Amino acid sequence: MVKLIEGKIKAVKVKRKNFIPKQEAFKFIFRDVFNRVDMQTNAGNSVSIKDFKEALKKVIPLNDEEINNTLLGLDKEGVLYLQKLDDPGQLTEEEKKTTIKNITWVKA
């Protein structure tokens, strides 16, 4: 493990060098952006997906699909919680399942 300011991040050691897997790096970056948006908007540990994506794209060049896939992976890990729209309106059943409104970070 490589110690960072906020805690620990998993790294793989190869020939005396530590490498951080892509997913672990994304987790760290996503958490940092989440914290910044949370502080700027005083959201109370639950930020809007729109604000989060806008801020994230300023830090790392990812498209919406890459962001969504990473968020869904972190949701499955239990690192964060993705809150769906309260009133999805005219969306299809499939769209209702994947329409995210807010992100709440669960673990530090």
PDB file of N, CA and C in Angstrom:
ATOM      1  N   MET A   1       0.828  -1.180   0.000  1.00  0.00           N
ATOM      2  CA  MET A   1       0.000   0.000   0.000  1.00  0.00           C
ATOM      3  C   MET A   1       0.876   1.249   0.000  1.00  0.00           C
ATOM      4  N   VAL A   2       0.455   2.230  -0.736  1.00  0.00           N
ATOM      5  CA  VAL A   2       1.134   3.517  -0.766  1.00  0.00           C
ATOM      6  C   VAL A   2       0.287   4.479   0.045  1.00  0.00           C
ATOM      7  N   LYS A   3       0.874   5.111   1.050  1.00  0.00           N
ATOM      8  CA  LYS A   3       0.121   6.033   1.899  1.00  0.00           C
ATOM      9  C   LYS A   3      -0.006   7.381   1.211  1.00  0.00           C
ATOM     10  N   LEU A   4      -1.207   7.921   1.226  1.00  0.00           N
ATOM     11  CA  LEU A   4      -1.466   9.246   0.703  1.00  0.00           C
ATOM     12  C   LEU A   4      -2.048  10.098   1.813  1.00  0.00           C
ATOM     13  N   ILE A   5      -2.246  11.355   1.553  1.00  0.00           N
ATOM     14  CA  ILE A   5      -2.732  12.287   2.568  1.00  0.00           C
ATOM     15  C   ILE A   5      -4.055  11.829   3.179  1.00  0.00           C
ATOM     16  N   GLU A   6      -5.007  11.382   2.348  1.00  0.00           N
ATOM     17  CA  GLU A   6      -6.333  11.014   2.843  1.00  0.00           C
ATOM     18  C   GLU A   6      -6.426   9.580   3.334  1.00  0.00           C
ATOM     19  N   GLY A   7      -5.401   8.810   3.220  1.00  0.00           N
ATOM     20  CA  GLY A   7      -5.485   7.421   3.649  1.00  0.00           C
ATOM     21  C   GLY A   7      -4.569   6.546   2.840  1.00  0.00           C
ATOM     22  N   LYS A   8      -5.099   5.431   2.387  1.00  0.00           N
ATOM     23  CA  LYS A   8      -4.286   4.479   1.644  1.00  0.00           C
ATOM     24  C   LYS A   8      -4.891   4.220   0.280  1.00  0.00           C
ATOM     25  N   ILE A   9      -4.031   3.926  -0.654  1.00  0.00           N
ATOM     26  CA  ILE A   9      -4.461   3.559  -1.990  1.00  0.00           C
ATOM     27  C   ILE A   9      -3.690   2.306  -2.381  1.00  0.00           C
ATOM     28  N   LYS A  10      -4.360   1.367  -2.979  1.00  0.00           N
ATOM     29  CA  LYS A  10      -3.720   0.107  -3.344  1.00  0.00           C
ATOM     30  C   LYS A  10      -2.756   0.334  -4.503  1.00  0.00           C
ATOM     31  N   ALA A  11      -1.585  -0.259  -4.401  1.00  0.00           N
ATOM     32  CA  ALA A  11      -0.588  -0.174  -5.470  1.00  0.00           C
ATOM     33  C   ALA A  11       0.005  -1.559  -5.693  1.00  0.00           C
ATOM     34  N   VAL A  12       0.509  -1.760  -6.895  1.00  0.00           N
ATOM     35  CA  VAL A  12       1.132  -3.020  -7.260  1.00  0.00           C
ATOM     36  C   VAL A  12       2.629  -2.750  -7.410  1.00  0.00           C
ATOM     37  N   LYS A  13       3.434  -3.585  -6.778  1.00  0.00           N
ATOM     38  CA  LYS A  13       4.878  -3.403  -6.865  1.00  0.00           C
ATOM     39  C   LYS A  13       5.435  -4.276  -7.996  1.00  0.00           C
ATOM     40  N   VAL A  14       6.150  -3.626  -8.921  1.00  0.00           N
ATOM     41  CA  VAL A  14       6.775  -4.314 -10.043  1.00  0.00           C
ATOM     42  C   VAL A  14       8.213  -3.807 -10.144  1.00  0.00           C
ATOM     43  N   LYS A  15       9.154  -4.725  -9.934  1.00  0.00           N
ATOM     44  CA  LYS A  15      10.579  -4.385 -10.033  1.00  0.00           C
ATOM     45  C   LYS A  15      10.923  -3.109  -9.262  1.00  0.00           C
ATOM     46  N   ARG A  16      10.630  -3.095  -7.991  1.00  0.00           N
ATOM     47  CA  ARG A  16      10.962  -2.004  -7.072  1.00  0.00           C
ATOM     48  C   ARG A  16      10.187  -0.711  -7.305  1.00  0.00           C
ATOM     49  N   LYS A  17       9.203  -0.730  -8.158  1.00  0.00           N
ATOM     50  CA  LYS A  17       8.398   0.463  -8.398  1.00  0.00           C
ATOM     51  C   LYS A  17       6.942   0.160  -8.068  1.00  0.00           C
ATOM     52  N   ASN A  18       6.273   1.150  -7.512  1.00  0.00           N
ATOM     53  CA  ASN A  18       4.855   1.017  -7.203  1.00  0.00           C
ATOM     54  C   ASN A  18       4.030   1.590  -8.347  1.00  0.00           C
ATOM     55  N   PHE A  19       3.048   0.829  -8.778  1.00  0.00           N
ATOM     56  CA  PHE A  19       2.121   1.267  -9.807  1.00  0.00           C
ATOM     57  C   PHE A  19       0.717   1.238  -9.236  1.00  0.00           C
ATOM     58  N   ILE A  20      -0.022   2.283  -9.517  1.00  0.00           N
ATOM     59  CA  ILE A  20      -1.398   2.368  -9.044  1.00  0.00           C
ATOM     60  C   ILE A  20      -2.314   1.921 -10.175  1.00  0.00           C
ATOM     61  N   PRO A  21      -3.129   0.883  -9.947  1.00  0.00           N
ATOM     62  CA  PRO A  21      -4.072   0.440 -10.978  1.00  0.00           C
ATOM     63  C   PRO A  21      -5.038   1.573 -11.354  1.00  0.00           C
ATOM     64  N   LYS A  22      -5.463   1.583 -12.595  1.00  0.00           N
ATOM     65  CA  LYS A  22      -6.343   2.623 -13.125  1.00  0.00           C
ATOM     66  C   LYS A  22      -7.578   2.831 -12.251  1.00  0.00           C
ATOM     67  N   GLN A  23      -8.215   1.750 -11.856  1.00  0.00           N
ATOM     68  CA  GLN A  23      -9.440   1.842 -11.053  1.00  0.00           C
ATOM     69  C   GLN A  23      -9.174   2.505  -9.701  1.00  0.00           C
ATOM     70  N   GLU A  24      -8.021   2.202  -9.102  1.00  0.00           N
ATOM     71  CA  GLU A  24      -7.663   2.817  -7.822  1.00  0.00           C
ATOM     72  C   GLU A  24      -7.371   4.309  -7.989  1.00  0.00           C
ATOM     73  N   ALA A  25      -6.708   4.658  -9.098  1.00  0.00           N
ATOM     74  CA  ALA A  25      -6.427   6.068  -9.370  1.00  0.00           C
ATOM     75  C   ALA A  25      -7.735   6.834  -9.578  1.00  0.00           C
ATOM     76  N   PHE A  26      -8.652   6.240 -10.347  1.00  0.00           N
ATOM     77  CA  PHE A  26      -9.950   6.875 -10.568  1.00  0.00           C
ATOM     78  C   PHE A  26     -10.685   7.070  -9.243  1.00  0.00           C
ATOM     79  N   LYS A  27     -10.649   6.066  -8.389  1.00  0.00           N
ATOM     80  CA  LYS A  27     -11.326   6.160  -7.091  1.00  0.00           C
ATOM     81  C   LYS A  27     -10.794   7.354  -6.301  1.00  0.00           C
ATOM     82  N   PHE A  28      -9.484   7.513  -6.282  1.00  0.00           N
ATOM     83  CA  PHE A  28      -8.854   8.613  -5.561  1.00  0.00           C
ATOM     84  C   PHE A  28      -9.247   9.960  -6.181  1.00  0.00           C
ATOM     85  N   ILE A  29      -9.180  10.057  -7.509  1.00  0.00           N
ATOM     86  CA  ILE A  29      -9.516  11.301  -8.206  1.00  0.00           C
ATOM     87  C   ILE A  29     -10.990  11.630  -8.027  1.00  0.00           C
ATOM     88  N   PHE A  30     -11.861  10.636  -8.172  1.00  0.00           N
ATOM     89  CA  PHE A  30     -13.297  10.850  -8.013  1.00  0.00           C
ATOM     90  C   PHE A  30     -13.605  11.355  -6.607  1.00  0.00           C
ATOM     91  N   ARG A  31     -12.950  10.770  -5.611  1.00  0.00           N
ATOM     92  CA  ARG A  31     -13.193  11.192  -4.217  1.00  0.00           C
ATOM     93  C   ARG A  31     -12.751  12.639  -4.001  1.00  0.00           C
ATOM     94  N   ASP A  32     -11.606  12.989  -4.566  1.00  0.00           N
ATOM     95  CA  ASP A  32     -11.097  14.350  -4.427  1.00  0.00           C
ATOM     96  C   ASP A  32     -12.056  15.346  -5.079  1.00  0.00           C
ATOM     97  N   VAL A  33     -12.514  15.053  -6.280  1.00  0.00           N
ATOM     98  CA  VAL A  33     -13.457  15.936  -6.972  1.00  0.00           C
ATOM     99  C   VAL A  33     -14.777  16.004  -6.199  1.00  0.00           C
ATOM    100  N   PHE A  34     -15.239  14.864  -5.711  1.00  0.00           N
ATOM    101  CA  PHE A  34     -16.470  14.821  -4.907  1.00  0.00           C
ATOM    102  C   PHE A  34     -16.346  15.766  -3.711  1.00  0.00           C
ATOM    103  N   ASN A  35     -15.225  15.691  -2.990  1.00  0.00           N
ATOM    104  CA  ASN A  35     -15.013  16.547  -1.814  1.00  0.00           C
ATOM    105  C   ASN A  35     -15.026  18.025  -2.188  1.00  0.00           C
ATOM    106  N   ARG A  36     -14.386  18.368  -3.307  1.00  0.00           N
ATOM    107  CA  ARG A  36     -14.361  19.769  -3.748  1.00  0.00           C
ATOM    108  C   ARG A  36     -15.760  20.276  -4.078  1.00  0.00           C
ATOM    109  N   VAL A  37     -16.520  19.477  -4.828  1.00  0.00           N
ATOM    110  CA  VAL A  37     -17.878  19.878  -5.197  1.00  0.00           C
ATOM    111  C   VAL A  37     -18.747  19.978  -3.952  1.00  0.00           C
ATOM    112  N   ASP A  38     -18.594  19.044  -3.048  1.00  0.00           N
ATOM    113  CA  ASP A  38     -19.362  19.050  -1.796  1.00  0.00           C
ATOM    114  C   ASP A  38     -19.086  20.317  -1.004  1.00  0.00           C
ATOM    115  N   MET A  39     -17.829  20.716  -0.927  1.00  0.00           N
ATOM    116  CA  MET A  39     -17.467  21.931  -0.181  1.00  0.00           C
ATOM    117  C   MET A  39     -17.984  23.184  -0.888  1.00  0.00           C
ATOM    118  N   GLN A  40     -17.871  23.223  -2.206  1.00  0.00           N
ATOM    119  CA  GLN A  40     -18.294  24.408  -2.956  1.00  0.00           C
ATOM    120  C   GLN A  40     -19.799  24.602  -2.930  1.00  0.00           C
ATOM    121  N   THR A  41     -20.540  23.518  -2.942  1.00  0.00           N
ATOM    122  CA  THR A  41     -21.999  23.610  -3.019  1.00  0.00           C
ATOM    123  C   THR A  41     -22.677  23.441  -1.663  1.00  0.00           C
ATOM    124  N   ASN A  42     -21.895  23.151  -0.622  1.00  0.00           N
ATOM    125  CA  ASN A  42     -22.459  22.866   0.703  1.00  0.00           C
ATOM    126  C   ASN A  42     -23.575  21.838   0.603  1.00  0.00           C
ATOM    127  N   ALA A  43     -23.291  20.777  -0.145  1.00  0.00           N
ATOM    128  CA  ALA A  43     -24.305  19.771  -0.443  1.00  0.00           C
ATOM    129  C   ALA A  43     -24.558  18.800   0.703  1.00  0.00           C
ATOM    130  N   GLY A  44     -23.719  18.766   1.702  1.00  0.00           N
ATOM    131  CA  GLY A  44     -23.953  17.873   2.831  1.00  0.00           C
ATOM    132  C   GLY A  44     -23.675  16.422   2.515  1.00  0.00           C
ATOM    133  N   ASN A  45     -22.562  16.151   1.834  1.00  0.00           N
ATOM    134  CA  ASN A  45     -22.108  14.806   1.505  1.00  0.00           C
ATOM    135  C   ASN A  45     -22.965  14.097   0.450  1.00  0.00           C
ATOM    136  N   SER A  46     -23.706  14.870  -0.335  1.00  0.00           N
ATOM    137  CA  SER A  46     -24.473  14.308  -1.446  1.00  0.00           C
ATOM    138  C   SER A  46     -24.487  15.360  -2.545  1.00  0.00           C
ATOM    139  N   VAL A  47     -23.758  15.124  -3.632  1.00  0.00           N
ATOM    140  CA  VAL A  47     -23.626  16.125  -4.681  1.00  0.00           C
ATOM    141  C   VAL A  47     -24.396  15.710  -5.935  1.00  0.00           C
ATOM    142  N   SER A  48     -24.795  16.704  -6.715  1.00  0.00           N
ATOM    143  CA  SER A  48     -25.530  16.401  -7.946  1.00  0.00           C
ATOM    144  C   SER A  48     -24.575  15.797  -8.970  1.00  0.00           C
ATOM    145  N   ILE A  49     -25.090  14.887  -9.761  1.00  0.00           N
ATOM    146  CA  ILE A  49     -24.284  14.228 -10.776  1.00  0.00           C
ATOM    147  C   ILE A  49     -23.803  15.250 -11.804  1.00  0.00           C
ATOM    148  N   LYS A  50     -24.636  16.227 -12.106  1.00  0.00           N
ATOM    149  CA  LYS A  50     -24.274  17.256 -13.084  1.00  0.00           C
ATOM    150  C   LYS A  50     -23.063  18.057 -12.596  1.00  0.00           C
ATOM    151  N   ASP A  51     -23.117  18.537 -11.361  1.00  0.00           N
ATOM    152  CA  ASP A  51     -22.002  19.303 -10.801  1.00  0.00           C
ATOM    153  C   ASP A  51     -20.738  18.453 -10.731  1.00  0.00           C
ATOM    154  N   PHE A  52     -20.900  17.194 -10.336  1.00  0.00           N
ATOM    155  CA  PHE A  52     -19.765  16.295 -10.210  1.00  0.00           C
ATOM    156  C   PHE A  52     -19.083  16.073 -11.561  1.00  0.00           C
ATOM    157  N   LYS A  53     -19.880  15.764 -12.578  1.00  0.00           N
ATOM    158  CA  LYS A  53     -19.306  15.495 -13.902  1.00  0.00           C
ATOM    159  C   LYS A  53     -18.612  16.717 -14.479  1.00  0.00           C
ATOM    160  N   GLU A  54     -19.222  17.891 -14.304  1.00  0.00           N
ATOM    161  CA  GLU A  54     -18.602  19.122 -14.799  1.00  0.00           C
ATOM    162  C   GLU A  54     -17.237  19.347 -14.147  1.00  0.00           C
ATOM    163  N   ALA A  55     -17.172  19.173 -12.848  1.00  0.00           N
ATOM    164  CA  ALA A  55     -15.914  19.367 -12.124  1.00  0.00           C
ATOM    165  C   ALA A  55     -14.889  18.298 -12.488  1.00  0.00           C
ATOM    166  N   LEU A  56     -15.338  17.058 -12.620  1.00  0.00           N
ATOM    167  CA  LEU A  56     -14.438  15.953 -12.941  1.00  0.00           C
ATOM    168  C   LEU A  56     -13.792  16.138 -14.309  1.00  0.00           C
ATOM    169  N   LYS A  57     -14.582  16.582 -15.282  1.00  0.00           N
ATOM    170  CA  LYS A  57     -14.067  16.761 -16.646  1.00  0.00           C
ATOM    171  C   LYS A  57     -13.007  17.853 -16.728  1.00  0.00           C
ATOM    172  N   LYS A  58     -12.977  18.751 -15.747  1.00  0.00           N
ATOM    173  CA  LYS A  58     -11.929  19.775 -15.695  1.00  0.00           C
ATOM    174  C   LYS A  58     -10.614  19.195 -15.186  1.00  0.00           C
ATOM    175  N   VAL A  59     -10.692  18.068 -14.491  1.00  0.00           N
ATOM    176  CA  VAL A  59      -9.521  17.449 -13.876  1.00  0.00           C
ATOM    177  C   VAL A  59      -8.954  16.324 -14.735  1.00  0.00           C
ATOM    178  N   ILE A  60      -9.833  15.534 -15.331  1.00  0.00           N
ATOM    179  CA  ILE A  60      -9.396  14.355 -16.079  1.00  0.00           C
ATOM    180  C   ILE A  60     -10.280  14.198 -17.326  1.00  0.00           C
ATOM    181  N   PRO A  61      -9.671  13.963 -18.482  1.00  0.00           N
ATOM    182  CA  PRO A  61     -10.455  13.880 -19.720  1.00  0.00           C
ATOM    183  C   PRO A  61     -11.168  12.536 -19.892  1.00  0.00           C
ATOM    184  N   LEU A  62     -12.352  12.424 -19.317  1.00  0.00           N
ATOM    185  CA  LEU A  62     -13.169  11.216 -19.448  1.00  0.00           C
ATOM    186  C   LEU A  62     -14.490  11.583 -20.102  1.00  0.00           C
ATOM    187  N   ASN A  63     -15.027  10.658 -20.893  1.00  0.00           N
ATOM    188  CA  ASN A  63     -16.356  10.907 -21.455  1.00  0.00           C
ATOM    189  C   ASN A  63     -17.418  10.398 -20.476  1.00  0.00           C
ATOM    190  N   ASP A  64     -18.673  10.693 -20.765  1.00  0.00           N
ATOM    191  CA  ASP A  64     -19.764  10.317 -19.859  1.00  0.00           C
ATOM    192  C   ASP A  64     -19.837   8.809 -19.631  1.00  0.00           C
ATOM    193  N   GLU A  65     -19.584   8.026 -20.662  1.00  0.00           N
ATOM    194  CA  GLU A  65     -19.639   6.568 -20.516  1.00  0.00           C
ATOM    195  C   GLU A  65     -18.571   6.069 -19.534  1.00  0.00           C
ATOM    196  N   GLU A  66     -17.357   6.593 -19.649  1.00  0.00           N
ATOM    197  CA  GLU A  66     -16.279   6.197 -18.736  1.00  0.00           C
ATOM    198  C   GLU A  66     -16.591   6.616 -17.300  1.00  0.00           C
ATOM    199  N   ILE A  67     -17.142   7.809 -17.156  1.00  0.00           N
ATOM    200  CA  ILE A  67     -17.511   8.290 -15.814  1.00  0.00           C
ATOM    201  C   ILE A  67     -18.607   7.404 -15.237  1.00  0.00           C
ATOM    202  N   ASN A  68     -19.646   7.152 -16.034  1.00  0.00           N
ATOM    203  CA  ASN A  68     -20.764   6.321 -15.556  1.00  0.00           C
ATOM    204  C   ASN A  68     -20.306   4.921 -15.179  1.00  0.00           C
ATOM    205  N   ASN A  69     -19.463   4.315 -16.011  1.00  0.00           N
ATOM    206  CA  ASN A  69     -18.971   2.963 -15.713  1.00  0.00           C
ATOM    207  C   ASN A  69     -18.167   2.939 -14.425  1.00  0.00           C
ATOM    208  N   THR A  70     -17.331   3.949 -14.216  1.00  0.00           N
ATOM    209  CA  THR A  70     -16.538   4.014 -12.989  1.00  0.00           C
ATOM    210  C   THR A  70     -17.440   4.222 -11.780  1.00  0.00           C
ATOM    211  N   LEU A  71     -18.420   5.121 -11.908  1.00  0.00           N
ATOM    212  CA  LEU A  71     -19.360   5.354 -10.808  1.00  0.00           C
ATOM    213  C   LEU A  71     -20.141   4.096 -10.472  1.00  0.00           C
ATOM    214  N   LEU A  72     -20.598   3.377 -11.493  1.00  0.00           N
ATOM    215  CA  LEU A  72     -21.337   2.136 -11.249  1.00  0.00           C
ATOM    216  C   LEU A  72     -20.458   1.101 -10.561  1.00  0.00           C
ATOM    217  N   GLY A  73     -19.185   1.034 -10.942  1.00  0.00           N
ATOM    218  CA  GLY A  73     -18.243   0.123 -10.289  1.00  0.00           C
ATOM    219  C   GLY A  73     -18.032   0.480  -8.833  1.00  0.00           C
ATOM    220  N   LEU A  74     -17.900   1.784  -8.550  1.00  0.00           N
ATOM    221  CA  LEU A  74     -17.720   2.226  -7.164  1.00  0.00           C
ATOM    222  C   LEU A  74     -18.983   2.002  -6.345  1.00  0.00           C
ATOM    223  N   ASP A  75     -20.139   2.117  -6.996  1.00  0.00           N
ATOM    224  CA  ASP A  75     -21.405   1.839  -6.324  1.00  0.00           C
ATOM    225  C   ASP A  75     -21.482   0.362  -5.943  1.00  0.00           C
ATOM    226  N   LYS A  76     -21.070  -0.511  -6.852  1.00  0.00           N
ATOM    227  CA  LYS A  76     -21.078  -1.954  -6.573  1.00  0.00           C
ATOM    228  C   LYS A  76     -20.121  -2.311  -5.439  1.00  0.00           C
ATOM    229  N   GLU A  77     -18.981  -1.591  -5.354  1.00  0.00           N
ATOM    230  CA  GLU A  77     -18.016  -1.825  -4.278  1.00  0.00           C
ATOM    231  C   GLU A  77     -18.524  -1.312  -2.932  1.00  0.00           C
ATOM    232  N   GLY A  78     -19.554  -0.486  -2.957  1.00  0.00           N
ATOM    233  CA  GLY A  78     -20.064   0.095  -1.726  1.00  0.00           C
ATOM    234  C   GLY A  78     -19.286   1.319  -1.280  1.00  0.00           C
ATOM    235  N   VAL A  79     -18.489   1.881  -2.172  1.00  0.00           N
ATOM    236  CA  VAL A  79     -17.688   3.062  -1.858  1.00  0.00           C
ATOM    237  C   VAL A  79     -18.563   4.312  -1.888  1.00  0.00           C
ATOM    238  N   LEU A  80     -19.517   4.325  -2.803  1.00  0.00           N
ATOM    239  CA  LEU A  80     -20.453   5.432  -2.895  1.00  0.00           C
ATOM    240  C   LEU A  80     -21.836   4.904  -3.206  1.00  0.00           C
ATOM    241  N   TYR A  81     -22.823   5.788  -3.076  1.00  0.00           N
ATOM    242  CA  TYR A  81     -24.209   5.422  -3.335  1.00  0.00           C
ATOM    243  C   TYR A  81     -24.735   6.342  -4.435  1.00  0.00           C
ATOM    244  N   LEU A  82     -25.306   5.767  -5.479  1.00  0.00           N
ATOM    245  CA  LEU A  82     -25.867   6.540  -6.572  1.00  0.00           C
ATOM    246  C   LEU A  82     -27.372   6.631  -6.385  1.00  0.00           C
ATOM    247  N   GLN A  83     -27.856   7.853  -6.175  1.00  0.00           N
ATOM    248  CA  GLN A  83     -29.282   8.069  -5.955  1.00  0.00           C
ATOM    249  C   GLN A  83     -29.966   8.323  -7.292  1.00  0.00           C
ATOM    250  N   LYS A  84     -30.994   7.568  -7.578  1.00  0.00           N
ATOM    251  CA  LYS A  84     -31.749   7.699  -8.809  1.00  0.00           C
ATOM    252  C   LYS A  84     -32.697   8.898  -8.722  1.00  0.00           C
ATOM    253  N   LEU A  85     -33.223   9.333  -9.853  1.00  0.00           N
ATOM    254  CA  LEU A  85     -34.182  10.429  -9.893  1.00  0.00           C
ATOM    255  C   LEU A  85     -35.422  10.109  -9.069  1.00  0.00           C
ATOM    256  N   ASP A  86     -35.913  11.094  -8.337  1.00  0.00           N
ATOM    257  CA  ASP A  86     -37.131  10.894  -7.550  1.00  0.00           C
ATOM    258  C   ASP A  86     -38.364  10.813  -8.440  1.00  0.00           C
ATOM    259  N   ASP A  87     -38.410  11.642  -9.474  1.00  0.00           N
ATOM    260  CA  ASP A  87     -39.553  11.675 -10.375  1.00  0.00           C
ATOM    261  C   ASP A  87     -39.051  11.523 -11.808  1.00  0.00           C
ATOM    262  N   PRO A  88     -38.879  10.296 -12.279  1.00  0.00           N
ATOM    263  CA  PRO A  88     -38.300  10.071 -13.599  1.00  0.00           C
ATOM    264  C   PRO A  88     -39.222  10.403 -14.770  1.00  0.00           C
ATOM    265  N   GLY A  89     -40.457  10.758 -14.521  1.00  0.00           N
ATOM    266  CA  GLY A  89     -41.356  11.202 -15.580  1.00  0.00           C
ATOM    267  C   GLY A  89     -41.609  10.176 -16.659  1.00  0.00           C
ATOM    268  N   GLN A  90     -41.363  10.548 -17.901  1.00  0.00           N
ATOM    269  CA  GLN A  90     -41.699   9.730 -19.060  1.00  0.00           C
ATOM    270  C   GLN A  90     -40.585   8.762 -19.479  1.00  0.00           C
ATOM    271  N   LEU A  91     -39.633   8.492 -18.629  1.00  0.00           N
ATOM    272  CA  LEU A  91     -38.536   7.609 -18.993  1.00  0.00           C
ATOM    273  C   LEU A  91     -39.009   6.159 -19.092  1.00  0.00           C
ATOM    274  N   THR A  92     -38.326   5.387 -19.927  1.00  0.00           N
ATOM    275  CA  THR A  92     -38.621   3.954 -20.020  1.00  0.00           C
ATOM    276  C   THR A  92     -38.132   3.274 -18.749  1.00  0.00           C
ATOM    277  N   GLU A  93     -38.542   2.031 -18.532  1.00  0.00           N
ATOM    278  CA  GLU A  93     -38.101   1.294 -17.341  1.00  0.00           C
ATOM    279  C   GLU A  93     -36.574   1.152 -17.308  1.00  0.00           C
ATOM    280  N   GLU A  94     -35.957   0.910 -18.471  1.00  0.00           N
ATOM    281  CA  GLU A  94     -34.496   0.769 -18.530  1.00  0.00           C
ATOM    282  C   GLU A  94     -33.811   2.093 -18.192  1.00  0.00           C
ATOM    283  N   GLU A  95     -34.331   3.201 -18.697  1.00  0.00           N
ATOM    284  CA  GLU A  95     -33.755   4.515 -18.398  1.00  0.00           C
ATOM    285  C   GLU A  95     -33.898   4.851 -16.919  1.00  0.00           C
ATOM    286  N   LYS A  96     -35.006   4.459 -16.317  1.00  0.00           N
ATOM    287  CA  LYS A  96     -35.229   4.729 -14.896  1.00  0.00           C
ATOM    288  C   LYS A  96     -34.164   4.064 -14.027  1.00  0.00           C
ATOM    289  N   LYS A  97     -33.705   2.881 -14.448  1.00  0.00           N
ATOM    290  CA  LYS A  97     -32.707   2.145 -13.670  1.00  0.00           C
ATOM    291  C   LYS A  97     -31.344   2.817 -13.683  1.00  0.00           C
ATOM    292  N   THR A  98     -31.048   3.540 -14.751  1.00  0.00           N
ATOM    293  CA  THR A  98     -29.700   4.087 -14.903  1.00  0.00           C
ATOM    294  C   THR A  98     -29.626   5.604 -14.773  1.00  0.00           C
ATOM    295  N   THR A  99     -30.738   6.256 -14.492  1.00  0.00           N
ATOM    296  CA  THR A  99     -30.740   7.708 -14.370  1.00  0.00           C
ATOM    297  C   THR A  99     -30.346   8.102 -12.949  1.00  0.00           C
ATOM    298  N   ILE A 100     -29.200   8.761 -12.847  1.00  0.00           N
ATOM    299  CA  ILE A 100     -28.629   9.103 -11.545  1.00  0.00           C
ATOM    300  C   ILE A 100     -28.828  10.596 -11.273  1.00  0.00           C
ATOM    301  N   LYS A 101     -29.212  10.908 -10.059  1.00  0.00           N
ATOM    302  CA  LYS A 101     -29.440  12.302  -9.659  1.00  0.00           C
ATOM    303  C   LYS A 101     -28.307  12.813  -8.781  1.00  0.00           C
ATOM    304  N   ASN A 102     -27.954  12.055  -7.759  1.00  0.00           N
ATOM    305  CA  ASN A 102     -26.940  12.478  -6.784  1.00  0.00           C
ATOM    306  C   ASN A 102     -25.967  11.358  -6.483  1.00  0.00           C
ATOM    307  N   ILE A 103     -24.806  11.761  -5.969  1.00  0.00           N
ATOM    308  CA  ILE A 103     -23.795  10.814  -5.493  1.00  0.00           C
ATOM    309  C   ILE A 103     -23.588  11.084  -4.012  1.00  0.00           C
ATOM    310  N   THR A 104     -23.580  10.033  -3.217  1.00  0.00           N
ATOM    311  CA  THR A 104     -23.250  10.149  -1.801  1.00  0.00           C
ATOM    312  C   THR A 104     -22.079   9.223  -1.533  1.00  0.00           C
ATOM    313  N   TRP A 105     -20.989   9.780  -0.989  1.00  0.00           N
ATOM    314  CA  TRP A 105     -19.806   8.965  -0.709  1.00  0.00           C
ATOM    315  C   TRP A 105     -20.016   8.266   0.618  1.00  0.00           C
ATOM    316  N   VAL A 106     -19.795   6.950   0.628  1.00  0.00           N
ATOM    317  CA  VAL A 106     -20.075   6.144   1.816  1.00  0.00           C
ATOM    318  C   VAL A 106     -18.818   5.932   2.661  1.00  0.00           C
ATOM    319  N   LYS A 107     -17.702   5.632   2.005  1.00  0.00           N
ATOM    320  CA  LYS A 107     -16.453   5.339   2.717  1.00  0.00           C
ATOM    321  C   LYS A 107     -15.438   6.443   2.514  1.00  0.00           C
ATOM    322  N   ALA A 108     -14.539   6.543   3.469  1.00  0.00           N
ATOM    323  CA  ALA A 108     -13.424   7.494   3.337  1.00  0.00           C
ATOM    324  C   ALA A 108     -12.338   6.917   2.487  1.00  0.00           C
TER     325      ALA A 108
END
